[in-house]
C-alpha atoms as a PDB file:
ATOM      1  CA  MET A   1      72.829 170.729 100.430  1.00  0.00           C
ATOM      2  CA  ALA A   2      71.341 168.477 102.807  1.00  0.00           C
ATOM      3  CA  LEU A   3      68.043 167.838 103.835  1.00  0.00           C
ATOM      4  CA  THR A   4      66.366 168.416 107.687  1.00  0.00           C
ATOM      5  CA  LEU A   5      63.731 166.457 109.228  1.00  0.00           C
ATOM      6  CA  GLY A   6      60.728 169.040 109.851  1.00  0.00           C
ATOM      7  CA  MET A   7      57.873 167.100 111.560  1.00  0.00           C
ATOM      8  CA  ILE A   8      56.650 163.856 111.363  1.00  0.00           C
ATOM      9  CA  THR A   9      52.783 164.353 109.866  1.00  0.00           C
ATOM     10  CA  THR A  10      50.010 161.732 110.240  1.00  0.00           C
ATOM     11  CA  ASP A  11      46.396 162.009 107.991  1.00  0.00           C
ATOM     12  CA  THR A  12      43.516 161.754 110.683  1.00  0.00           C
ATOM     13  CA  THR A  13      39.944 163.014 110.505  1.00  0.00           C
ATOM     14  CA  ASP A  14      40.107 164.154 114.165  1.00  0.00           C
ATOM     15  CA  ALA A  15      43.598 166.312 113.935  1.00  0.00           C
ATOM     16  CA  THR A  16      42.661 167.858 117.667  1.00  0.00           C
ATOM     17  CA  SER A  17      42.085 164.110 119.381  1.00  0.00           C
ATOM     18  CA  LEU A  18      44.530 162.444 117.874  1.00  0.00           C
ATOM     19  CA  GLY A  19      46.823 165.229 118.256  1.00  0.00           C
ATOM     20  CA  THR A  20      46.283 165.523 122.386  1.00  0.00           C
ATOM     21  CA  TRP A  21      46.927 161.960 122.728  1.00  0.00           C
ATOM     22  CA  TRP A  22      49.937 161.947 121.112  1.00  0.00           C
ATOM     23  CA  ALA A  23      51.042 164.887 123.248  1.00  0.00           C
ATOM     24  CA  GLU A  24      49.464 163.385 126.270  1.00  0.00           C
ATOM     25  CA  GLN A  25      51.678 159.890 125.706  1.00  0.00           C
ATOM     26  CA  THR A  26      55.173 162.042 124.663  1.00  0.00           C
ATOM     27  CA  GLY A  27      55.018 163.945 127.887  1.00  0.00           C
ATOM     28  CA  GLY A  28      55.172 167.199 124.630  1.00  0.00           C
ATOM     29  CA  THR A  29      52.796 169.862 124.326  1.00  0.00           C
ATOM     30  CA  VAL A  30      50.289 170.970 121.228  1.00  0.00           C
ATOM     31  CA  VAL A  31      52.017 174.117 120.159  1.00  0.00           C
ATOM     32  CA  GLU A  32      49.713 175.111 117.140  1.00  0.00           C
ATOM     33  CA  THR A  33      46.048 173.866 116.735  1.00  0.00           C
ATOM     34  CA  ASN A  34      45.045 175.794 113.275  1.00  0.00           C
ATOM     35  CA  ASN A  35      41.371 175.652 113.792  1.00  0.00           C
ATOM     36  CA  GLY A  36      41.528 171.536 114.475  1.00  0.00           C
ATOM     37  CA  TRP A  37      42.865 170.964 110.618  1.00  0.00           C
ATOM     38  CA  PHE A  38      46.502 170.610 111.207  1.00  0.00           C
ATOM     39  CA  VAL A  39      47.660 170.234 114.882  1.00  0.00           C
ATOM     40  CA  VAL A  40      51.601 170.436 115.563  1.00  0.00           C
ATOM     41  CA  VAL A  41      52.998 168.504 118.917  1.00  0.00           C
ATOM     42  CA  ARG A  42      56.319 169.480 120.373  1.00  0.00           C
ATOM     43  CA  PRO A  43      57.350 166.098 122.458  1.00  0.00           C
ATOM     44  CA  GLN A  44      60.030 165.938 124.494  1.00  0.00           C
ATOM     45  CA  GLY A  45      63.025 164.929 122.662  1.00  0.00           C
ATOM     46  CA  GLY A  46      62.971 164.572 119.356  1.00  0.00           C
ATOM     47  CA  PRO A  47      61.277 166.416 116.118  1.00  0.00           C
ATOM     48  CA  LEU A  48      58.015 167.914 115.836  1.00  0.00           C
ATOM     49  CA  LEU A  49      54.783 165.982 115.340  1.00  0.00           C
ATOM     50  CA  ALA A  50      51.509 167.036 113.339  1.00  0.00           C
ATOM     51  CA  PHE A  51      48.222 165.682 112.501  1.00  0.00           C
ATOM     52  CA  GLN A  52      46.781 166.992 109.486  1.00  0.00           C
ATOM     53  CA  GLN A  53      43.008 166.334 109.168  1.00  0.00           C
ATOM     54  CA  VAL A  54      41.610 164.887 105.710  1.00  0.00           C
ATOM     55  CA  GLU A  55      38.509 163.195 104.671  1.00  0.00           C
ATOM     56  CA  ASP A  56      39.164 159.719 104.497  1.00  0.00           C
ATOM     57  CA  PRO A  57      43.109 158.725 105.753  1.00  0.00           C
ATOM     58  CA  THR A  58      44.728 156.483 103.312  1.00  0.00           C
ATOM     59  CA  PRO A  59      43.819 152.874 104.438  1.00  0.00           C
ATOM     60  CA  GLY A  60      45.616 149.405 105.053  1.00  0.00           C
ATOM     61  CA  LYS A  61      49.592 149.258 107.056  1.00  0.00           C
ATOM     62  CA  ASN A  62      51.652 152.004 107.524  1.00  0.00           C
ATOM     63  CA  ARG A  63      54.707 152.842 105.226  1.00  0.00           C
ATOM     64  CA  LEU A  64      56.443 154.720 108.069  1.00  0.00           C
ATOM     65  CA  HIS A  65      55.682 154.417 111.404  1.00  0.00           C
ATOM     66  CA  LEU A  66      57.559 156.114 114.641  1.00  0.00           C
ATOM     67  CA  ASP A  67      59.611 153.711 116.856  1.00  0.00           C
ATOM     68  CA  LEU A  68      59.832 154.464 120.834  1.00  0.00           C
ATOM     69  CA  GLY A  69      61.889 154.005 123.183  1.00  0.00           C
ATOM     70  CA  ALA A  70      61.117 153.452 127.494  1.00  0.00           C
ATOM     71  CA  PRO A  71      63.166 152.628 130.121  1.00  0.00           C
ATOM     72  CA  ASP A  72      60.201 149.773 130.739  1.00  0.00           C
ATOM     73  CA  LEU A  73      58.617 147.948 128.163  1.00  0.00           C
ATOM     74  CA  ASP A  74      55.759 146.293 129.894  1.00  0.00           C
ATOM     75  CA  ALA A  75      54.985 149.448 131.895  1.00  0.00           C
ATOM     76  CA  GLU A  76      54.308 151.627 128.615  1.00  0.00           C
ATOM     77  CA  VAL A  77      52.790 148.917 127.151  1.00  0.00           C
ATOM     78  CA  GLU A  78      50.378 149.054 130.033  1.00  0.00           C
ATOM     79  CA  ARG A  79      50.065 152.475 130.150  1.00  0.00           C
ATOM     80  CA  LEU A  80      49.143 152.984 126.348  1.00  0.00           C
ATOM     81  CA  THR A  81      47.211 150.587 126.555  1.00  0.00           C
ATOM     82  CA  GLY A  82      45.220 152.188 129.350  1.00  0.00           C
ATOM     83  CA  ALA A  83      45.609 155.514 127.200  1.00  0.00           C
ATOM     84  CA  GLY A  84      43.688 154.000 124.628  1.00  0.00           C
ATOM     85  CA  ALA A  85      46.084 152.304 122.161  1.00  0.00           C
ATOM     86  CA  SER A  86      46.108 148.619 121.287  1.00  0.00           C
ATOM     87  CA  VAL A  87      48.734 145.802 120.756  1.00  0.00           C
ATOM     88  CA  VAL A  88      49.309 144.658 117.211  1.00  0.00           C
ATOM     89  CA  ALA A  89      52.045 142.155 117.926  1.00  0.00           C
ATOM     90  CA  GLN A  90      54.751 141.562 120.367  1.00  0.00           C
ATOM     91  CA  ARG A  91      58.528 140.932 118.770  1.00  0.00           C
ATOM     92  CA  GLU A  92      61.664 139.719 119.889  1.00  0.00           C
ATOM     93  CA  MET A  93      65.139 139.245 118.287  1.00  0.00           C
ATOM     94  CA  GLY A  94      67.500 137.325 120.101  1.00  0.00           C
ATOM     95  CA  ASP A  95      67.765 140.299 123.514  1.00  0.00           C
ATOM     96  CA  PHE A  96      66.135 142.949 122.132  1.00  0.00           C
ATOM     97  CA  ARG A  97      62.289 142.951 122.109  1.00  0.00           C
ATOM     98  CA  TRP A  98      59.828 145.199 120.911  1.00  0.00           C
ATOM     99  CA  VAL A  99      55.880 145.881 121.165  1.00  0.00           C
ATOM    100  CA  THR A 100      53.949 147.458 117.619  1.00  0.00           C
ATOM    101  CA  MET A 101      51.315 149.503 118.914  1.00  0.00           C
ATOM    102  CA  ALA A 102      48.449 151.193 117.291  1.00  0.00           C
ATOM    103  CA  ASP A 103      47.040 154.613 118.382  1.00  0.00           C
ATOM    104  CA  PRO A 104      43.344 155.761 118.507  1.00  0.00           C
ATOM    105  CA  ASP A 105      43.414 156.689 115.214  1.00  0.00           C
ATOM    106  CA  GLY A 106      44.808 152.758 113.971  1.00  0.00           C
ATOM    107  CA  ASN A 107      48.162 154.224 113.373  1.00  0.00           C
ATOM    108  CA  GLU A 108      51.286 151.641 113.950  1.00  0.00           C
ATOM    109  CA  PHE A 109      54.550 152.244 116.089  1.00  0.00           C
ATOM    110  CA  CYS A 110      56.531 150.719 117.502  1.00  0.00           C
ATOM    111  CA  VAL A 111      57.973 150.679 121.393  1.00  0.00           C
ATOM    112  CA  ALA A 112      61.403 149.295 122.896  1.00  0.00           C
ATOM    113  CA  ASN A 113      63.542 149.269 125.486  1.00  0.00           C
ATOM    114  CA  HIS A 114      66.105 151.974 125.237  1.00  0.00           C
END
């Protein structure tokens, strides 16, 4: 028997707002809202993303994050910052370049060329 990935869930104080933001950024669709306490997004390609409303999300650095790809890294970073994300750090390793960003709730994710 093997595990299968069902979805990736993020705690937030506003599941509707953050779920809608991620749906817009991934070209996805909000497929469940559950009265705003648990929002599910089906992005274009990839596993489901879920956003669960909690009173007090765990503070500090994410122990798990999304690694996303874009054909034009600089243009995607500009688009995401225009949509409310922030740049945490720009990184490179040899010819490979990626940017660590944070969504409007401060959850970190990375974007790299693919």
